[in-house]
Amino acid sequence: MNPLNIYFAQFKAMRKYSSNEENPKGISILSVVLTYFIPIACGVVSAMLNYHLASADSLLSMLGILAGALIAAFAQLASWREKFSEHWTKDRAHKPERWLLDAAIAHLLAGAYSSVVASLLVIVSLIVNLPTYFPAITHSICSALIIVLGIHVVVSLLTSLPKMYAAYVQLNHVSQLLNGQEYF
């Protein structure tokens, strides 16, 4: 399987909801900017400033915990999706909820994958930090890539949370007094 499929799914999840699957609405520009351009811009700035990551141990443990948490959240959403799929095949009224769950799953998996790749890059950056073997620029490049992937993880999580909440509210018919989607 091509790991880029996860990121393609995340990009497709940035589409605005449309009940017509054959003619989907456009991509949310804000989501694309937050999810892809902001992390890349931060990585470019860190590379230009020759930024080096100092504390790899805490970063490695944080990325590992994030990857595990995102995969656990994916498992929970996948079980919800499976639980409700038998009702959704007969009923088109739950199509928005299915869209929200599928979009949240795509964002969570992309964040988890980025977290695992960033963890590997932290280990690589520890190796290339040895001054006698590699030039200093390799550590700067690894640091920039870790920053790009780390920010992508956080933004993917932040993007999936409103979708998960909206799906929860719609699936569980949360009272308007408590659902947060109705204003005061």
C-alpha atoms as a PDB file:
ATOM      1  CA  MET A   1       0.000   0.000   0.000  1.00  0.00           C
ATOM      2  CA  ASN A   2       1.196   3.479  -0.834  1.00  0.00           C
ATOM      3  CA  PRO A   3       1.472   5.570   2.365  1.00  0.00           C
ATOM      4  CA  LEU A   4       0.649   8.691   0.368  1.00  0.00           C
ATOM      5  CA  ASN A   5      -2.919   7.372   0.094  1.00  0.00           C
ATOM      6  CA  ILE A   6      -3.425   8.453   3.703  1.00  0.00           C
ATOM      7  CA  TYR A   7      -2.503  12.027   2.812  1.00  0.00           C
ATOM      8  CA  PHE A   8      -4.630  11.906  -0.355  1.00  0.00           C
ATOM      9  CA  ALA A   9      -7.567  10.811   1.812  1.00  0.00           C
ATOM     10  CA  GLN A  10      -6.855  13.684   4.181  1.00  0.00           C
ATOM     11  CA  PHE A  11      -6.840  16.129   1.269  1.00  0.00           C
ATOM     12  CA  LYS A  12     -10.143  14.713   0.007  1.00  0.00           C
ATOM     13  CA  ALA A  13     -11.572  15.028   3.533  1.00  0.00           C
ATOM     14  CA  MET A  14     -11.084  18.783   3.248  1.00  0.00           C
ATOM     15  CA  ARG A  15     -13.910  18.956   0.731  1.00  0.00           C
ATOM     16  CA  LYS A  16     -17.066  20.674   1.830  1.00  0.00           C
ATOM     17  CA  TYR A  17     -19.964  18.294   2.427  1.00  0.00           C
ATOM     18  CA  SER A  18     -22.218  17.581  -0.535  1.00  0.00           C
ATOM     19  CA  SER A  19     -25.107  15.141  -0.680  1.00  0.00           C
ATOM     20  CA  ASN A  20     -24.254  14.547  -4.348  1.00  0.00           C
ATOM     21  CA  GLU A  21     -21.177  12.280  -4.388  1.00  0.00           C
ATOM     22  CA  GLU A  22     -20.813  12.553  -8.156  1.00  0.00           C
ATOM     23  CA  ASN A  23     -20.469  16.342  -7.996  1.00  0.00           C
ATOM     24  CA  PRO A  24     -18.612  17.214  -4.764  1.00  0.00           C
ATOM     25  CA  LYS A  25     -18.199  20.766  -3.537  1.00  0.00           C
ATOM     26  CA  GLY A  26     -14.846  22.509  -3.464  1.00  0.00           C
ATOM     27  CA  ILE A  27     -11.966  22.192  -1.055  1.00  0.00           C
ATOM     28  CA  SER A  28     -11.855  24.305   2.102  1.00  0.00           C
ATOM     29  CA  ILE A  29      -8.967  26.687   1.454  1.00  0.00           C
ATOM     30  CA  LEU A  30      -8.536  27.373   5.180  1.00  0.00           C
ATOM     31  CA  SER A  31      -8.111  23.659   5.904  1.00  0.00           C
ATOM     32  CA  VAL A  32      -5.491  23.286   3.174  1.00  0.00           C
ATOM     33  CA  VAL A  33      -3.551  26.318   4.417  1.00  0.00           C
ATOM     34  CA  LEU A  34      -3.648  25.168   8.045  1.00  0.00           C
ATOM     35  CA  THR A  35      -2.888  21.525   7.340  1.00  0.00           C
ATOM     36  CA  TYR A  36      -0.185  21.815   4.697  1.00  0.00           C
ATOM     37  CA  PHE A  37       1.144  25.334   4.140  1.00  0.00           C
ATOM     38  CA  ILE A  38       1.595  26.450   7.764  1.00  0.00           C
ATOM     39  CA  PRO A  39       3.704  23.377   8.692  1.00  0.00           C
ATOM     40  CA  ILE A  40       5.795  23.725   5.528  1.00  0.00           C
ATOM     41  CA  ALA A  41       6.307  27.447   6.144  1.00  0.00           C
ATOM     42  CA  CYS A  42       7.433  26.759   9.721  1.00  0.00           C
ATOM     43  CA  GLY A  43       9.833  24.097   8.453  1.00  0.00           C
ATOM     44  CA  VAL A  44      11.301  26.448   5.856  1.00  0.00           C
ATOM     45  CA  VAL A  45      11.761  29.202   8.447  1.00  0.00           C
ATOM     46  CA  SER A  46      13.436  26.793  10.871  1.00  0.00           C
ATOM     47  CA  ALA A  47      15.783  25.596   8.107  1.00  0.00           C
ATOM     48  CA  MET A  48      16.624  29.178   7.151  1.00  0.00           C
ATOM     49  CA  LEU A  49      17.368  30.003  10.791  1.00  0.00           C
ATOM     50  CA  ASN A  50      19.492  26.840  11.055  1.00  0.00           C
ATOM     51  CA  TYR A  51      17.398  25.621  13.981  1.00  0.00           C
ATOM     52  CA  HIS A  52      18.568  22.476  15.771  1.00  0.00           C
ATOM     53  CA  LEU A  53      16.380  20.370  18.035  1.00  0.00           C
ATOM     54  CA  ALA A  54      17.980  20.138  21.442  1.00  0.00           C
ATOM     55  CA  SER A  55      15.801  17.768  23.459  1.00  0.00           C
ATOM     56  CA  ALA A  56      15.172  14.684  21.373  1.00  0.00           C
ATOM     57  CA  ASP A  57      14.136  12.417  24.269  1.00  0.00           C
ATOM     58  CA  SER A  58      11.021  14.348  25.247  1.00  0.00           C
ATOM     59  CA  LEU A  59      10.139  14.951  21.602  1.00  0.00           C
ATOM     60  CA  LEU A  60      10.437  11.251  20.809  1.00  0.00           C
ATOM     61  CA  SER A  61       8.226  10.259  23.743  1.00  0.00           C
ATOM     62  CA  MET A  62       5.662  12.951  22.881  1.00  0.00           C
ATOM     63  CA  LEU A  63       5.450  11.808  19.259  1.00  0.00           C
ATOM     64  CA  GLY A  64       5.090   8.182  20.347  1.00  0.00           C
ATOM     65  CA  ILE A  65       2.274   9.032  22.750  1.00  0.00           C
ATOM     66  CA  LEU A  66       0.554  11.141  20.085  1.00  0.00           C
ATOM     67  CA  ALA A  67       0.790   8.332  17.535  1.00  0.00           C
ATOM     68  CA  GLY A  68      -0.705   5.858  19.998  1.00  0.00           C
ATOM     69  CA  ALA A  69      -3.500   8.224  21.002  1.00  0.00           C
ATOM     70  CA  LEU A  70      -4.394   9.009  17.393  1.00  0.00           C
ATOM     71  CA  ILE A  71      -4.456   5.329  16.461  1.00  0.00           C
ATOM     72  CA  ALA A  72      -6.676   4.601  19.491  1.00  0.00           C
ATOM     73  CA  ALA A  73      -9.033   7.416  18.448  1.00  0.00           C
ATOM     74  CA  PHE A  74      -9.083   5.960  14.930  1.00  0.00           C
ATOM     75  CA  ALA A  75     -10.019   2.550  16.333  1.00  0.00           C
ATOM     76  CA  GLN A  76     -12.888   4.106  18.285  1.00  0.00           C
ATOM     77  CA  LEU A  77     -14.220   5.991  15.267  1.00  0.00           C
ATOM     78  CA  ALA A  78     -13.863   2.909  13.070  1.00  0.00           C
ATOM     79  CA  SER A  79     -15.939   0.891  15.546  1.00  0.00           C
ATOM     80  CA  TRP A  80     -18.614   3.607  15.573  1.00  0.00           C
ATOM     81  CA  ARG A  81     -18.600   3.618  11.782  1.00  0.00           C
ATOM     82  CA  GLU A  82     -19.002  -0.163  11.691  1.00  0.00           C
ATOM     83  CA  LYS A  83     -21.731  -0.098  14.331  1.00  0.00           C
ATOM     84  CA  PHE A  84     -23.830   2.398  12.443  1.00  0.00           C
ATOM     85  CA  SER A  85     -23.060   1.183   8.908  1.00  0.00           C
ATOM     86  CA  GLU A  86     -25.914  -1.323   8.865  1.00  0.00           C
ATOM     87  CA  HIS A  87     -28.384   1.493   9.482  1.00  0.00           C
ATOM     88  CA  TRP A  88     -26.696   3.793   6.987  1.00  0.00           C
ATOM     89  CA  THR A  89     -26.956   1.373   4.088  1.00  0.00           C
ATOM     90  CA  LYS A  90     -30.741   1.532   4.339  1.00  0.00           C
ATOM     91  CA  ASP A  91     -31.035   5.159   5.378  1.00  0.00           C
ATOM     92  CA  ARG A  92     -29.572   8.121   3.480  1.00  0.00           C
ATOM     93  CA  ALA A  93     -30.468  10.509   6.318  1.00  0.00           C
ATOM     94  CA  HIS A  94     -27.216   9.668   8.139  1.00  0.00           C
ATOM     95  CA  LYS A  95     -24.991  10.572   5.213  1.00  0.00           C
ATOM     96  CA  PRO A  96     -23.649  13.782   6.861  1.00  0.00           C
ATOM     97  CA  GLU A  97     -22.648  11.827   9.971  1.00  0.00           C
ATOM     98  CA  ARG A  98     -20.856   9.252   7.851  1.00  0.00           C
ATOM     99  CA  TRP A  99     -19.060  12.081   6.017  1.00  0.00           C
ATOM    100  CA  LEU A 100     -17.967  13.621   9.331  1.00  0.00           C
ATOM    101  CA  LEU A 101     -16.683  10.307  10.702  1.00  0.00           C
ATOM    102  CA  ASP A 102     -14.829   9.465   7.488  1.00  0.00           C
ATOM    103  CA  ALA A 103     -13.235  12.927   7.362  1.00  0.00           C
ATOM    104  CA  ALA A 104     -12.191  12.733  11.019  1.00  0.00           C
ATOM    105  CA  ILE A 105     -10.703   9.280  10.451  1.00  0.00           C
ATOM    106  CA  ALA A 106      -8.662  10.544   7.487  1.00  0.00           C
ATOM    107  CA  HIS A 107      -7.255  13.416   9.560  1.00  0.00           C
ATOM    108  CA  LEU A 108      -6.457  11.156  12.518  1.00  0.00           C
ATOM    109  CA  LEU A 109      -4.650   8.602  10.374  1.00  0.00           C
ATOM    110  CA  ALA A 110      -2.636  11.282   8.569  1.00  0.00           C
ATOM    111  CA  GLY A 111      -1.646  12.737  11.933  1.00  0.00           C
ATOM    112  CA  ALA A 112      -0.689   9.314  13.282  1.00  0.00           C
ATOM    113  CA  TYR A 113       1.395   8.543  10.204  1.00  0.00           C
ATOM    114  CA  SER A 114       3.148  11.905  10.407  1.00  0.00           C
ATOM    115  CA  SER A 115       3.841  11.261  14.078  1.00  0.00           C
ATOM    116  CA  VAL A 116       5.462   7.902  13.364  1.00  0.00           C
ATOM    117  CA  VAL A 117       7.557   9.348  10.521  1.00  0.00           C
ATOM    118  CA  ALA A 118       8.593  12.270  12.735  1.00  0.00           C
ATOM    119  CA  SER A 119       9.641   9.770  15.425  1.00  0.00           C
ATOM    120  CA  LEU A 120      11.867   8.036  12.901  1.00  0.00           C
ATOM    121  CA  LEU A 121      13.327  11.387  11.874  1.00  0.00           C
ATOM    122  CA  VAL A 122      14.099  12.207  15.512  1.00  0.00           C
ATOM    123  CA  ILE A 123      16.124   9.009  15.719  1.00  0.00           C
ATOM    124  CA  VAL A 124      17.849   9.827  12.426  1.00  0.00           C
ATOM    125  CA  SER A 125      18.608  13.352  13.631  1.00  0.00           C
ATOM    126  CA  LEU A 126      20.250  11.903  16.728  1.00  0.00           C
ATOM    127  CA  ILE A 127      22.472   9.822  14.491  1.00  0.00           C
ATOM    128  CA  VAL A 128      23.357  12.634  12.091  1.00  0.00           C
ATOM    129  CA  ASN A 129      24.082  14.937  15.012  1.00  0.00           C
ATOM    130  CA  LEU A 130      27.401  13.163  15.404  1.00  0.00           C
ATOM    131  CA  PRO A 131      29.833  15.816  14.124  1.00  0.00           C
ATOM    132  CA  THR A 132      32.476  13.523  12.669  1.00  0.00           C
ATOM    133  CA  TYR A 133      30.152  11.704  10.272  1.00  0.00           C
ATOM    134  CA  PHE A 134      27.700  14.205   8.762  1.00  0.00           C
ATOM    135  CA  PRO A 135      27.758  17.944   8.037  1.00  0.00           C
ATOM    136  CA  ALA A 136      25.691  20.232  10.282  1.00  0.00           C
ATOM    137  CA  ILE A 137      23.224  20.958   7.488  1.00  0.00           C
ATOM    138  CA  THR A 138      21.840  17.412   7.699  1.00  0.00           C
ATOM    139  CA  HIS A 139      20.772  18.005  11.300  1.00  0.00           C
ATOM    140  CA  SER A 140      19.093  21.271  10.277  1.00  0.00           C
ATOM    141  CA  ILE A 141      17.221  19.485   7.502  1.00  0.00           C
ATOM    142  CA  CYS A 142      16.096  16.715   9.870  1.00  0.00           C
ATOM    143  CA  SER A 143      15.009  19.322  12.418  1.00  0.00           C
ATOM    144  CA  ALA A 144      13.007  21.189   9.774  1.00  0.00           C
ATOM    145  CA  LEU A 145      11.285  17.979   8.643  1.00  0.00           C
ATOM    146  CA  ILE A 146      10.468  17.082  12.247  1.00  0.00           C
ATOM    147  CA  ILE A 147       8.932  20.523  12.726  1.00  0.00           C
ATOM    148  CA  VAL A 148       6.874  20.153   9.534  1.00  0.00           C
ATOM    149  CA  LEU A 149       5.569  16.741  10.562  1.00  0.00           C
ATOM    150  CA  GLY A 150       5.044  17.732  14.208  1.00  0.00           C
ATOM    151  CA  ILE A 151       2.946  20.747  13.291  1.00  0.00           C
ATOM    152  CA  HIS A 152       1.057  18.612  10.761  1.00  0.00           C
ATOM    153  CA  VAL A 153       0.202  16.156  13.551  1.00  0.00           C
ATOM    154  CA  VAL A 154      -1.175  18.897  15.781  1.00  0.00           C
ATOM    155  CA  VAL A 155      -3.140  20.585  12.997  1.00  0.00           C
ATOM    156  CA  SER A 156      -4.580  17.252  11.834  1.00  0.00           C
ATOM    157  CA  LEU A 157      -5.791  16.574  15.354  1.00  0.00           C
ATOM    158  CA  LEU A 158      -7.252  20.061  15.650  1.00  0.00           C
ATOM    159  CA  THR A 159      -9.003  19.628  12.296  1.00  0.00           C
ATOM    160  CA  SER A 160     -10.524  16.292  13.258  1.00  0.00           C
ATOM    161  CA  LEU A 161     -11.901  17.368  16.651  1.00  0.00           C
ATOM    162  CA  PRO A 162     -14.750  19.587  15.358  1.00  0.00           C
ATOM    163  CA  LYS A 163     -15.733  16.874  12.875  1.00  0.00           C
ATOM    164  CA  MET A 164     -15.806  14.253  15.637  1.00  0.00           C
ATOM    165  CA  TYR A 165     -17.855  16.548  17.862  1.00  0.00           C
ATOM    166  CA  ALA A 166     -20.348  17.353  15.103  1.00  0.00           C
ATOM    167  CA  ALA A 167     -20.744  13.644  14.322  1.00  0.00           C
ATOM    168  CA  TYR A 168     -21.241  12.891  18.027  1.00  0.00           C
ATOM    169  CA  VAL A 169     -23.903  15.586  18.378  1.00  0.00           C
ATOM    170  CA  GLN A 170     -25.782  14.433  15.288  1.00  0.00           C
ATOM    171  CA  LEU A 171     -25.574  10.704  15.990  1.00  0.00           C
ATOM    172  CA  ASN A 172     -26.593  10.997  19.630  1.00  0.00           C
ATOM    173  CA  HIS A 173     -29.205  13.726  19.178  1.00  0.00           C
ATOM    174  CA  VAL A 174     -27.656  15.893  21.887  1.00  0.00           C
ATOM    175  CA  SER A 175     -30.067  18.471  23.289  1.00  0.00           C
ATOM    176  CA  GLN A 176     -29.797  21.967  21.837  1.00  0.00           C
ATOM    177  CA  LEU A 177     -29.223  23.245  25.359  1.00  0.00           C
ATOM    178  CA  LEU A 178     -25.948  21.308  25.542  1.00  0.00           C
ATOM    179  CA  ASN A 179     -24.752  20.629  22.018  1.00  0.00           C
ATOM    180  CA  GLY A 180     -22.612  23.715  21.447  1.00  0.00           C
ATOM    181  CA  GLN A 181     -23.892  24.148  17.913  1.00  0.00           C
ATOM    182  CA  GLU A 182     -26.697  26.454  19.000  1.00  0.00           C
ATOM    183  CA  TYR A 183     -25.629  29.817  20.291  1.00  0.00           C
ATOM    184  CA  PHE A 184     -26.947  31.431  23.440  1.00  0.00           C
END
